[in-house]
């Protein structure tokens, strides 16, 4: 395997799963524990230091969104766009895609979209896409042209996860029947990966950002956290310019419709993970008549504001931690005691000790901070196959070696061995801060919110409250507000929820399925982030039958243990 391929596999696995707590805040993040290659971690809603919540939505400004921000009474539906393509946008819909061989057997292309859909004369962005052409299902199998179903677009989440790298990492693991009838296509959303990527900080400054204390004990530590949030925001302003005001999920959904047309498909067939569910639901809300077979796995609830989204996501990670602690207590190599309560107490004691005295690591120039220790634990909550690695890392940390937790934290952020960082976290923050108003006006608001967050999550609540500060200082005003998505008239949409999903709590899937007029809830009773592609025959079979035959599972169907 080439070094490029190895890097791609890392990013489609652990790195992308790291996007920002709630896809912003410790999350949002990438590929799923389900259909990622063996050893990969999920992506989509990811947590990250000093960030906001990605688990929430777009609104006041972009076409289609109505209503002001506010409480539940202010949440209004996402309204569809006119069915006819406006004349000013016709040239974008009339482009011809030129596919060229690339990246170990795939095909790549680029196309143009307007920077601002309301003012297309203001300039363009160039977006990048990849496709894995449909292949025969087996020896001697042929699929007649009439049996092909078109393109199936995949998005791994984040926001910030590269769909190009995701498709290149997982396409060959997809169900043979699905691969025989669809071209699998990945489009890097605007601002992400190869599509006019935003950038914010150097590798050295990102190291400092990820180590920043997110549980401040005094005013000097509060000031340092605010300074880190401001530096991140200012770095994005200086390095990314006008793009920062045009990276919303509504705009990314409109880009999907341009690509749908250029692919020659009357309807968009789509599988989205984590934040990819928010992007897919937004598409369905804007273009219900063009929505085809859509699967939204690890769903987000667009009706939540950023404060509620971050707080409920903290509860999701608490649920996942409880499952890990119970499992750990039954194992001989558990370093946290023999009961769930002991595990929680020992974890709190470890975090306090690391806060006071950061641990040495095998990277002599870097020590493990409390923030990185917390991120390392959170990273392991995305998939239960990481639990053994976490037990070892915690045992090493208690013995004074922070290497294991630092590596988990680095994997969350996608940090490379040379100290560089991918575009993932920069895009994550840029999209989140545009999609919803910041939860706090300043550090005093964050401090007042801590008790409520800690009631929801004794383990991670304090961290996740303080993580939500970066959007407070964002250089571009938000264009989105909380809203519901009804998508009236759309074909059936399958919404998948995992009962102990850390990053996208199960209640969010229930909420989205309830909002969608044609929503069908499919439940996976289990651990980890997202479910499709985990090789659960019940759930995978239900999704594959829907993708191939168009018949959704019975609403409320449950798979897993």
Protein backbone atom coordinates (compact mmCIF):
# COMPACT_ATOMS: atom_id res chain seq x y z
CA UNK A 1 0.00 0.00 0.00
CA UNK A 2 1.41 3.41 -0.97
CA UNK A 3 2.11 6.10 1.64
CA UNK A 4 -0.68 8.14 0.07
CA UNK A 5 -3.08 5.24 0.41
CA UNK A 6 -2.06 4.69 4.03
CA UNK A 7 -2.66 8.36 4.81
CA UNK A 8 -6.04 8.16 3.10
CA UNK A 9 -7.02 5.10 5.15
CA UNK A 10 -6.03 6.84 8.37
CA UNK A 11 -8.10 9.88 7.50
CA UNK A 12 -11.17 7.93 6.47
CA UNK A 13 -10.97 6.08 9.77
CA UNK A 14 -9.77 7.52 13.04
CA UNK A 15 -8.90 11.01 11.89
CA UNK A 16 -12.26 11.84 10.42
CA UNK A 17 -14.08 10.42 13.35
CA UNK A 18 -12.60 13.22 15.20
CA UNK A 19 -14.28 16.20 14.02
CA UNK A 20 -15.64 18.32 16.86
CA UNK A 21 -17.68 17.82 19.93
CA UNK A 22 -20.85 17.70 18.26
CA UNK A 23 -18.91 18.00 15.54
CA UNK A 24 -17.43 20.86 17.29
CA UNK A 25 -16.56 20.95 20.72
CA UNK A 26 -14.21 18.07 21.69
CA UNK A 27 -16.49 16.10 17.15
CA UNK A 28 -18.82 16.72 14.13
CA UNK A 29 -15.96 14.54 12.62
CA UNK A 30 -15.73 11.43 9.49
CA UNK A 31 -16.09 7.85 8.60
CA UNK A 32 -18.27 5.54 10.50
CA UNK A 33 -17.52 2.61 12.66
CA UNK A 34 -19.73 0.78 10.31
CA UNK A 35 -18.53 0.90 6.75
CA UNK A 36 -14.98 2.05 7.40
CA UNK A 37 -12.12 -0.29 6.70
CA UNK A 38 -11.12 -2.63 9.50
CA UNK A 39 -9.44 -0.66 12.25
CA UNK A 40 -11.01 2.62 11.27
CA UNK A 41 -13.04 4.80 13.54
CA UNK A 42 -16.28 6.60 12.84
CA UNK A 43 -16.63 10.09 11.75
CA UNK A 44 -19.18 12.75 11.76
CA UNK A 45 -20.14 14.70 14.78
CA UNK A 46 -16.83 15.17 16.54
CA UNK A 47 -15.58 17.00 19.62
CA UNK A 48 -12.59 19.30 19.74
CA UNK A 49 -11.02 21.80 22.07
CA UNK A 50 -12.62 25.20 22.44
CA UNK A 51 -15.25 24.53 19.82
CA UNK A 52 -19.03 24.80 19.37
CA UNK A 53 -21.57 22.19 18.52
CA UNK A 54 -21.80 20.75 15.08
CA UNK A 55 -24.83 18.83 15.84
CA UNK A 56 -27.09 21.67 15.01
CA UNK A 57 -28.34 23.45 12.01
CA UNK A 58 -28.55 26.24 9.41
CA UNK A 59 -30.95 29.03 9.06
CA UNK A 60 -31.58 32.74 8.84
CA UNK A 61 -30.15 33.94 5.67
CA UNK A 62 -29.60 31.27 3.04
CA UNK A 63 -32.50 30.68 0.70
CA UNK A 64 -34.98 28.22 2.07
CA UNK A 65 -34.55 29.05 5.74
CA UNK A 66 -37.19 31.01 7.54
CA UNK A 67 -37.55 32.34 11.03
CA UNK A 68 -35.33 33.83 13.74
CA UNK A 69 -33.18 32.01 16.25
CA UNK A 70 -34.71 31.35 19.62
CA UNK A 71 -36.61 28.84 21.70
CA UNK A 72 -38.72 25.96 20.46
CA UNK A 73 -41.56 28.30 19.53
CA UNK A 74 -39.24 30.12 17.08
CA UNK A 75 -38.18 26.98 15.21
CA UNK A 76 -39.71 26.95 11.74
CA UNK A 77 -39.57 24.48 8.86
CA UNK A 78 -36.93 24.55 6.15
CA UNK A 79 -38.83 25.61 3.06
CA UNK A 80 -38.15 24.03 -0.36
CA UNK A 81 -36.57 26.00 -3.17
CA UNK A 82 -38.45 26.50 -6.46
CA UNK A 83 -38.33 23.39 -8.66
CA UNK A 84 -37.10 25.30 -11.71
CA UNK A 85 -33.42 26.16 -11.96
CA UNK A 86 -33.03 29.98 -11.96
CA UNK A 87 -31.64 31.31 -15.26
CA UNK A 88 -28.59 32.77 -13.52
CA UNK A 89 -27.65 29.27 -12.32
CA UNK A 90 -28.32 27.47 -15.62
CA UNK A 91 -24.66 27.58 -16.74
CA UNK A 92 -23.60 25.68 -13.64
CA UNK A 93 -26.17 22.96 -14.32
CA UNK A 94 -25.02 22.72 -17.95
CA UNK A 95 -21.37 21.87 -17.29
CA UNK A 96 -19.82 18.67 -18.63
CA UNK A 97 -17.89 16.50 -16.19
CA UNK A 98 -14.53 15.23 -17.35
CA UNK A 99 -13.53 12.13 -15.40
CA UNK A 100 -9.84 11.16 -15.31
CA UNK A 101 -8.12 8.15 -13.71
CA UNK A 102 -6.72 8.94 -10.25
CA UNK A 103 -5.77 7.57 -6.83
CA UNK A 104 -5.25 3.84 -7.28
CA UNK A 105 -8.09 2.99 -9.65
CA UNK A 106 -10.70 5.70 -9.05
CA UNK A 107 -11.91 8.52 -11.30
CA UNK A 108 -11.70 12.20 -10.37
CA UNK A 109 -13.33 15.37 -11.65
CA UNK A 110 -13.94 19.00 -10.74
CA UNK A 111 -16.77 21.42 -11.46
CA UNK A 112 -17.76 24.98 -10.64
CA UNK A 113 -20.42 26.34 -8.29
CA UNK A 114 -21.16 29.96 -7.37
CA UNK A 115 -19.51 31.29 -4.24
CA UNK A 116 -22.85 32.95 -3.44
CA UNK A 117 -26.00 31.40 -4.92
CA UNK A 118 -27.85 34.68 -4.50
CA UNK A 119 -25.10 36.59 -6.35
CA UNK A 120 -23.53 34.14 -8.84
CA UNK A 121 -21.73 36.97 -10.65
CA UNK A 122 -19.52 37.43 -7.56
CA UNK A 123 -17.32 34.46 -8.49
CA UNK A 124 -17.01 30.69 -8.37
CA UNK A 125 -15.60 27.88 -6.26
CA UNK A 126 -14.12 24.74 -7.79
CA UNK A 127 -15.27 21.53 -6.10
CA UNK A 128 -13.65 18.09 -6.36
CA UNK A 129 -15.38 14.70 -6.63
CA UNK A 130 -14.31 11.09 -6.99
CA UNK A 131 -16.18 8.04 -8.22
CA UNK A 132 -15.82 4.30 -7.97
CA UNK A 133 -17.62 3.09 -11.11
CA UNK A 134 -20.15 0.31 -10.70
CA UNK A 135 -18.60 -3.14 -10.90
CA UNK A 136 -20.04 -6.64 -11.51
CA UNK A 137 -21.19 -8.35 -8.34
CA UNK A 138 -19.28 -11.57 -9.05
CA UNK A 139 -17.74 -13.84 -11.62
CA UNK A 140 -19.89 -13.95 -14.72
CA UNK A 141 -22.30 -11.35 -13.38
CA UNK A 142 -23.34 -8.58 -15.71
CA UNK A 143 -25.66 -5.68 -15.06
CA UNK A 144 -27.63 -4.41 -18.00
CA UNK A 145 -27.72 -0.64 -18.44
CA UNK A 146 -31.37 -0.56 -17.47
CA UNK A 147 -30.57 -2.26 -14.17
CA UNK A 148 -28.06 0.37 -13.10
CA UNK A 149 -29.51 2.81 -10.61
CA UNK A 150 -27.20 5.77 -11.20
CA UNK A 151 -24.90 7.35 -8.62
CA UNK A 152 -24.93 6.89 -4.86
CA UNK A 153 -23.34 9.87 -3.12
CA UNK A 154 -21.60 9.19 0.19
CA UNK A 155 -20.69 11.67 2.91
CA UNK A 156 -18.78 10.65 6.08
CA UNK A 157 -19.68 13.57 8.31
CA UNK A 158 -17.74 16.22 10.17
CA UNK A 159 -18.46 18.79 9.02
CA UNK A 160 -15.01 18.65 7.51
CA UNK A 161 -14.70 14.99 6.61
CA UNK A 162 -13.42 14.46 3.07
CA UNK A 163 -15.95 12.48 1.04
CA UNK A 164 -13.28 11.94 -1.62
CA UNK A 165 -10.96 10.20 0.84
CA UNK A 166 -13.91 8.41 2.41
CA UNK A 167 -15.08 6.86 -0.87
CA UNK A 168 -11.51 5.86 -1.71
CA UNK A 169 -11.25 4.22 1.71
CA UNK A 170 -14.56 2.35 1.84
CA UNK A 171 -15.92 1.85 -1.69
CA UNK A 172 -14.47 -1.65 -2.03
CA UNK A 173 -16.03 -2.71 1.27
CA UNK A 174 -19.60 -1.89 0.17
CA UNK A 175 -22.18 -4.59 -0.50
CA UNK A 176 -21.52 -6.26 -3.85
CA UNK A 177 -25.09 -5.72 -5.01
CA UNK A 178 -24.95 -2.02 -4.23
CA UNK A 179 -21.59 -1.67 -5.99
CA UNK A 180 -22.94 -3.45 -9.05
CA UNK A 181 -25.83 -1.04 -9.51
CA UNK A 182 -24.41 2.30 -8.38
CA UNK A 183 -21.37 4.40 -9.07
CA UNK A 184 -20.19 5.37 -5.58
CA UNK A 185 -19.43 9.10 -5.59
CA UNK A 186 -17.78 11.35 -3.03
CA UNK A 187 -17.97 15.15 -3.22
CA UNK A 188 -15.74 17.17 -0.91
CA UNK A 189 -18.11 19.90 0.33
CA UNK A 190 -17.07 23.51 -0.20
CA UNK A 191 -14.22 24.39 2.18
CA UNK A 192 -13.28 20.73 2.71
CA UNK A 193 -10.44 18.55 1.45
CA UNK A 194 -9.87 19.26 -2.24
CA UNK A 195 -12.76 21.72 -2.61
CA UNK A 196 -11.39 25.22 -1.91
CA UNK A 197 -10.24 24.11 1.57
CA UNK A 198 -10.18 26.56 4.44
CA UNK A 199 -7.11 26.73 6.66
CA UNK A 200 -6.55 28.46 9.98
CA UNK A 201 -3.40 27.56 11.97
CA UNK A 202 0.06 26.11 11.44
CA UNK A 203 0.84 22.68 12.84
CA UNK A 204 2.73 24.22 15.73
CA UNK A 205 -0.17 26.49 16.68
CA UNK A 206 -2.65 23.62 16.32
CA UNK A 207 -0.52 21.67 18.80
CA UNK A 208 -0.98 24.54 21.23
CA UNK A 209 -4.71 24.77 20.48
CA UNK A 210 -5.35 21.08 21.12
CA UNK A 211 -3.44 21.29 24.42
CA UNK A 212 -5.29 24.39 25.70
CA UNK A 213 -6.87 23.89 29.13
CA UNK A 214 -10.63 23.44 28.64
CA UNK A 215 -11.44 23.20 32.36
CA UNK A 216 -10.17 26.60 33.56
CA UNK A 217 -9.66 26.90 37.31
CA UNK A 218 -8.97 30.65 37.56
CA UNK A 219 -9.18 33.85 35.56
CA UNK A 220 -5.75 33.42 34.00
CA UNK A 221 -6.77 30.04 32.59
CA UNK A 222 -10.06 31.50 31.33
CA UNK A 223 -8.11 34.26 29.62
CA UNK A 224 -5.77 31.70 28.02
CA UNK A 225 -8.72 29.68 26.69
CA UNK A 226 -10.34 32.81 25.25
CA UNK A 227 -7.02 33.76 23.65
CA UNK A 228 -6.78 30.32 22.02
CA UNK A 229 -10.32 30.63 20.64
CA UNK A 230 -9.59 34.11 19.29
CA UNK A 231 -6.32 32.99 17.70
CA UNK A 232 -8.09 30.14 15.90
CA UNK A 233 -10.84 32.44 14.63
CA UNK A 234 -8.40 35.15 13.52
CA UNK A 235 -6.22 32.58 11.78
CA UNK A 236 -9.22 31.44 9.76
CA UNK A 237 -10.06 35.02 8.82
CA UNK A 238 -6.54 35.77 7.65
CA UNK A 239 -5.98 32.53 5.74
CA UNK A 240 -9.43 31.81 4.28
CA UNK A 241 -10.92 35.19 3.42
CA UNK A 242 -14.29 35.49 1.66
CA UNK A 243 -14.92 31.74 1.67
CA UNK A 244 -15.73 31.86 5.41
CA UNK A 245 -19.05 33.52 4.70
CA UNK A 246 -20.15 30.87 2.18
CA UNK A 247 -19.56 27.47 3.77
CA UNK A 248 -23.02 26.82 5.16
CA UNK A 249 -24.78 23.49 4.98
CA UNK A 250 -27.55 25.06 2.88
CA UNK A 251 -24.98 26.10 0.28
CA UNK A 252 -23.31 22.67 0.39
CA UNK A 253 -26.72 21.06 -0.21
CA UNK A 254 -27.24 23.26 -3.25
CA UNK A 255 -23.82 22.11 -4.52
CA UNK A 256 -25.06 18.51 -4.22
CA UNK A 257 -27.95 19.37 -6.53
CA UNK A 258 -25.61 20.78 -9.15
CA UNK A 259 -23.56 17.56 -9.04
CA UNK A 260 -26.73 15.43 -9.21
CA UNK A 261 -27.66 17.16 -12.45
CA UNK A 262 -24.16 16.86 -13.92
CA UNK A 263 -24.17 13.13 -13.13
CA UNK A 264 -27.35 12.78 -15.17
CA UNK A 265 -29.51 11.61 -12.24
CA UNK A 266 -33.10 12.78 -11.87
CA UNK A 267 -32.96 12.10 -8.13
CA UNK A 268 -30.18 12.20 -5.54
CA UNK A 269 -29.44 8.79 -4.00
CA UNK A 270 -27.41 9.33 -0.86
CA UNK A 271 -25.90 7.75 2.27
CA UNK A 272 -24.81 10.26 4.91
CA UNK A 273 -23.15 9.57 8.24
CA UNK A 274 -23.28 11.83 11.30
CA UNK A 275 -23.10 15.45 10.05
CA UNK A 276 -23.72 13.92 6.62
CA UNK A 277 -27.27 13.29 7.88
CA UNK A 278 -27.73 17.00 8.43
CA UNK A 279 -26.42 17.72 4.95
CA UNK A 280 -28.70 15.06 3.46
CA UNK A 281 -31.75 16.21 5.40
CA UNK A 282 -31.07 19.77 4.29
CA UNK A 283 -30.99 18.60 0.67
CA UNK A 284 -34.30 16.78 1.16
CA UNK A 285 -35.83 19.89 2.70
CA UNK A 286 -34.68 22.14 -0.16
CA UNK A 287 -35.29 19.67 -3.00
CA UNK A 288 -37.91 17.13 -1.86
CA UNK A 289 -38.96 16.32 -5.42
CA UNK A 290 -35.38 15.42 -6.37
CA UNK A 291 -34.71 13.27 -3.31
CA UNK A 292 -34.20 9.61 -4.16
CA UNK A 293 -33.16 6.72 -1.90
CA UNK A 294 -31.65 8.46 1.11
CA UNK A 295 -30.13 6.86 4.23
CA UNK A 296 -29.23 9.11 7.17
CA UNK A 297 -27.10 7.17 9.68
CA UNK A 298 -26.19 8.69 13.06
CA UNK A 299 -28.74 11.44 12.65
CA UNK A 300 -28.57 15.00 13.89
CA UNK A 301 -31.59 17.02 15.02
CA UNK A 302 -31.72 20.32 13.08
CA UNK A 303 -34.25 21.82 15.49
CA UNK A 304 -31.70 22.17 18.31
CA UNK A 305 -29.78 25.35 18.98
CA UNK A 306 -26.03 25.08 19.62
CA UNK A 307 -26.41 25.16 23.41
CA UNK A 308 -28.91 22.30 23.49
CA UNK A 309 -26.93 20.39 20.87
CA UNK A 310 -23.68 20.55 22.84
CA UNK A 311 -25.36 19.68 26.12
CA UNK A 312 -27.24 16.67 24.76
CA UNK A 313 -24.13 15.48 22.96
CA UNK A 314 -22.30 15.59 26.28
CA UNK A 315 -24.99 13.21 27.49
CA UNK A 316 -24.28 10.93 24.54
CA UNK A 317 -20.63 10.65 25.49
CA UNK A 318 -21.64 10.01 29.10
CA UNK A 319 -23.82 7.12 27.92
CA UNK A 320 -20.93 5.71 25.91
CA UNK A 321 -18.54 6.12 28.85
CA UNK A 322 -20.94 4.21 31.11
CA UNK A 323 -21.00 1.33 28.62
CA UNK A 324 -17.19 1.33 28.47
CA UNK A 325 -16.84 1.50 32.26
CA UNK A 326 -19.19 -1.45 32.78
CA UNK A 327 -17.31 -3.48 30.18
CA UNK A 328 -13.95 -2.50 31.65
CA UNK A 329 -14.92 -3.45 35.20
CA UNK A 330 -15.48 -7.03 34.06
CA UNK A 331 -11.97 -7.40 32.59
CA UNK A 332 -8.75 -8.35 34.32
CA UNK A 333 -6.78 -5.61 32.56
CA UNK A 334 -9.14 -2.81 33.60
CA UNK A 335 -7.04 -0.02 35.18
CA UNK A 336 -10.07 1.76 36.64
CA UNK A 337 -11.32 -0.54 39.38
CA UNK A 338 -14.04 -3.14 39.55
CA UNK A 339 -17.20 -1.04 39.49
CA UNK A 340 -18.66 1.65 37.27
CA UNK A 341 -18.44 4.13 40.15
CA UNK A 342 -14.78 3.36 40.77
CA UNK A 343 -14.06 3.81 37.08
CA UNK A 344 -15.59 7.28 37.09
CA UNK A 345 -13.75 8.29 40.24
CA UNK A 346 -10.40 7.07 38.93
CA UNK A 347 -10.87 8.80 35.60
CA UNK A 348 -11.64 12.09 37.38
CA UNK A 349 -8.57 11.63 39.56
CA UNK A 350 -6.40 10.94 36.50
CA UNK A 351 -7.66 14.05 34.70
CA UNK A 352 -6.96 16.15 37.82
CA UNK A 353 -3.46 14.74 38.11
CA UNK A 354 -2.69 15.42 34.45
CA UNK A 355 -4.09 18.95 34.82
CA UNK A 356 -1.63 19.59 37.64
CA UNK A 357 1.32 17.78 36.02
CA UNK A 358 1.16 17.00 32.27
CA UNK A 359 2.58 13.58 31.47
CA UNK A 360 5.69 12.80 29.47
CA UNK A 361 5.29 10.98 26.17
CA UNK A 362 7.53 9.26 23.65
CA UNK A 363 7.43 12.52 21.70
CA UNK A 364 9.96 14.28 23.89
CA UNK A 365 8.89 17.75 22.79
CA UNK A 366 5.22 17.21 23.79
CA UNK A 367 3.54 16.42 27.08
CA UNK A 368 0.01 15.14 27.54
CA UNK A 369 -2.32 17.89 28.79
CA UNK A 370 -5.66 17.35 30.50
CA UNK A 371 -7.46 18.52 27.34
CA UNK A 372 -5.61 15.95 25.23
CA UNK A 373 -6.25 13.22 27.80
CA UNK A 374 -9.98 14.02 27.65
CA UNK A 375 -9.94 14.06 23.85
CA UNK A 376 -8.14 10.69 23.84
CA UNK A 377 -10.87 9.14 25.99
CA UNK A 378 -13.60 10.69 23.85
CA UNK A 379 -11.97 9.39 20.68
CA UNK A 380 -12.22 5.84 22.00
CA UNK A 381 -15.95 6.25 22.63
CA UNK A 382 -16.63 6.31 18.88
CA UNK A 383 -16.11 2.57 18.44
CA UNK A 384 -15.97 -0.29 20.92
CA UNK A 385 -13.06 -1.88 19.05
CA UNK A 386 -10.98 0.99 20.48
CA UNK A 387 -11.81 0.08 24.07
CA UNK A 388 -8.87 -2.33 24.54
CA UNK A 389 -6.52 0.39 23.27
CA UNK A 390 -8.06 2.85 25.73
CA UNK A 391 -7.63 0.45 28.67
CA UNK A 392 -3.94 0.15 27.84
CA UNK A 393 -3.55 3.91 27.41
CA UNK A 394 -5.24 4.60 30.75
CA UNK A 395 -3.05 2.06 32.52
CA UNK A 396 0.06 3.64 31.01
CA UNK A 397 -1.14 7.11 32.01
CA UNK A 398 -1.64 6.02 35.61
CA UNK A 399 1.96 4.79 35.50
CA UNK A 400 3.10 8.21 34.26
CA UNK A 401 3.27 7.63 30.48
CA UNK A 402 0.87 9.76 28.41
CA UNK A 403 1.88 8.36 25.01
CA UNK A 404 -1.21 6.21 24.43
CA UNK A 405 -3.73 8.93 25.25
CA UNK A 406 -1.77 11.48 23.20
CA UNK A 407 -1.88 9.18 20.18
CA UNK A 408 -5.63 8.77 20.58
CA UNK A 409 -6.00 12.55 20.82
CA UNK A 410 -3.80 13.05 17.75
CA UNK A 411 -5.90 10.52 15.86
CA UNK A 412 -9.00 12.48 16.74
CA UNK A 413 -7.55 15.62 15.18
CA UNK A 414 -5.88 13.78 12.32
CA UNK A 415 -2.39 14.99 13.29
CA UNK A 416 0.29 13.48 11.05
CA UNK A 417 3.67 12.19 12.22
CA UNK A 418 5.35 15.30 10.78
CA UNK A 419 3.24 17.57 12.99
CA UNK A 420 0.87 18.76 10.26
CA UNK A 421 -2.92 18.72 10.50
CA UNK A 422 -5.50 18.10 7.79
CA UNK A 423 -8.21 20.58 6.90
CA UNK A 424 -10.79 18.65 8.97
CA UNK A 425 -10.97 20.79 12.11
CA UNK A 426 -10.70 24.09 10.26
CA UNK A 427 -13.66 23.24 8.03
CA UNK A 428 -15.53 21.81 11.01
CA UNK A 429 -15.39 25.06 12.89
CA UNK A 430 -16.08 27.20 9.83
CA UNK A 431 -19.27 25.32 8.96
CA UNK A 432 -20.52 25.06 12.54
CA UNK A 433 -19.99 28.74 13.29
CA UNK A 434 -21.91 29.70 10.15
CA UNK A 435 -24.75 27.23 10.58
CA UNK A 436 -25.83 28.36 14.07
CA UNK A 437 -25.45 31.31 16.40
CA UNK A 438 -22.80 30.79 19.09
CA UNK A 439 -24.15 29.33 22.34
CA UNK A 440 -22.37 31.87 24.55
CA UNK A 441 -21.71 35.60 24.38
CA UNK A 442 -18.54 35.15 26.42
CA UNK A 443 -16.79 33.13 29.15
CA UNK A 444 -19.22 34.23 31.85
CA UNK A 445 -22.05 32.51 29.97
CA UNK A 446 -19.96 29.35 29.64
CA UNK A 447 -19.20 29.34 33.37
CA UNK A 448 -22.90 29.71 34.20
CA UNK A 449 -23.74 26.79 31.90
CA UNK A 450 -21.27 24.37 33.51
CA UNK A 451 -23.60 23.06 36.28
CA UNK A 452 -26.31 22.20 33.75
CA UNK A 453 -23.78 20.45 31.50
CA UNK A 454 -22.39 18.51 34.47
CA UNK A 455 -25.86 17.30 35.43
CA UNK A 456 -26.17 15.89 31.92
CA UNK A 457 -22.61 14.52 31.87
CA UNK A 458 -20.64 14.32 35.14
CA UNK A 459 -17.63 13.04 33.20
CA UNK A 460 -17.45 15.42 30.24
CA UNK A 461 -19.99 18.20 30.88
CA UNK A 462 -17.54 20.82 32.14
CA UNK A 463 -15.20 20.28 29.21
CA UNK A 464 -17.95 20.47 26.63
CA UNK A 465 -19.42 23.64 28.09
CA UNK A 466 -16.09 25.47 27.84
CA UNK A 467 -15.35 23.96 24.42
CA UNK A 468 -18.17 25.97 22.89
CA UNK A 469 -16.40 29.35 22.99
CA UNK A 470 -14.68 29.56 19.59
CA UNK A 471 -17.78 30.59 17.63
CA UNK A 472 -18.23 33.47 20.09
CA UNK A 473 -15.27 35.15 18.41
CA UNK A 474 -15.92 34.03 14.84
CA UNK A 475 -15.19 36.74 12.24
CA UNK A 476 -18.32 35.98 10.15
CA UNK A 477 -21.89 36.31 11.36
CA UNK A 478 -23.93 33.07 11.31
CA UNK A 479 -26.45 32.65 8.51
CA UNK A 480 -28.37 29.71 9.99
CA UNK A 481 -30.88 29.12 12.77
CA UNK A 482 -32.50 26.02 14.28
CA UNK A 483 -35.30 24.64 12.14
CA UNK A 484 -37.24 21.50 11.41
CA UNK A 485 -37.05 19.55 8.15
CA UNK A 486 -40.31 18.17 6.79
CA UNK A 487 -39.34 17.49 3.16
CA UNK A 488 -42.99 17.11 2.18
CA UNK A 489 -43.39 14.97 -0.91
CA UNK A 490 -39.96 13.33 -0.71
CA UNK A 491 -39.54 9.60 -1.27
CA UNK A 492 -39.08 7.49 1.89
CA UNK A 493 -35.99 8.49 3.91
CA UNK A 494 -34.40 5.92 6.23
CA UNK A 495 -33.07 7.43 9.46
CA UNK A 496 -30.69 5.14 11.39
CA UNK A 497 -30.06 5.63 15.11
CA UNK A 498 -27.74 3.72 17.45
CA UNK A 499 -28.98 3.47 21.02
CA UNK A 500 -25.62 4.22 22.68
CA UNK A 501 -24.13 6.46 20.00
CA UNK A 502 -21.80 8.96 21.73
CA UNK A 503 -21.65 11.74 19.14
CA UNK A 504 -25.20 11.71 17.76
CA UNK A 505 -27.49 10.59 20.60
CA UNK A 506 -30.29 8.23 19.70
CA UNK A 507 -32.90 10.87 20.58
CA UNK A 508 -31.68 12.92 17.62
CA UNK A 509 -32.51 10.11 15.21
CA UNK A 510 -35.95 9.81 16.75
CA UNK A 511 -36.45 13.56 16.39
CA UNK A 512 -35.32 13.73 12.75
CA UNK A 513 -37.38 10.71 11.72
CA UNK A 514 -40.39 12.34 13.37
CA UNK A 515 -39.86 15.65 11.55
CA UNK A 516 -39.51 14.12 8.09
CA UNK A 517 -42.86 13.51 6.45
CA UNK A 518 -41.51 10.32 4.85
CA UNK A 519 -39.01 9.40 7.59
CA UNK A 520 -38.61 5.76 8.64
CA UNK A 521 -36.67 5.09 11.86
CA UNK A 522 -34.32 2.09 11.83
CA UNK A 523 -32.70 1.38 15.21
CA UNK A 524 -29.42 -0.36 16.01
CA UNK A 525 -29.28 -1.46 19.64
CA UNK A 526 -25.56 -1.21 20.34
CA UNK A 527 -22.46 0.90 21.00
CA UNK A 528 -20.43 3.23 18.82
CA UNK A 529 -21.04 5.97 16.32
CA UNK A 530 -23.30 5.07 13.35
CA UNK A 531 -24.37 1.58 12.36
CA UNK A 532 -24.59 0.83 8.63
CA UNK A 533 -21.65 -1.23 7.43
CA UNK A 534 -20.85 -2.81 10.80
CA UNK A 535 -21.69 -6.19 9.39
CA UNK A 536 -24.90 -6.56 11.35
CA UNK A 537 -26.86 -8.65 8.88
CA UNK A 538 -30.23 -7.33 10.07
CA UNK A 539 -29.40 -3.64 9.72
CA UNK A 540 -27.15 -3.89 6.67
CA UNK A 541 -29.70 -6.09 4.97
CA UNK A 542 -32.51 -3.62 5.60
CA UNK A 543 -30.48 -0.71 4.24
CA UNK A 544 -29.21 -2.63 1.20
CA UNK A 545 -32.70 -3.81 0.30
CA UNK A 546 -33.86 -0.20 0.43
CA UNK A 547 -30.97 1.05 -1.72
CA UNK A 548 -31.50 -1.69 -4.30
CA UNK A 549 -35.28 -2.05 -4.32
CA UNK A 550 -36.61 1.20 -2.90
CA UNK A 551 -38.64 -0.48 -0.15
CA UNK A 552 -37.82 1.05 3.25
CA UNK A 553 -37.81 -1.04 6.43
CA UNK A 554 -40.86 -0.95 8.64
CA UNK A 555 -40.84 2.21 10.72
CA UNK A 556 -39.43 1.41 14.19
CA UNK A 557 -37.59 -1.75 13.14
CA UNK A 558 -34.78 -2.66 15.58
CA UNK A 559 -31.57 -4.61 14.92
CA UNK A 560 -28.54 -5.48 17.02
CA UNK A 561 -28.35 -7.02 20.42
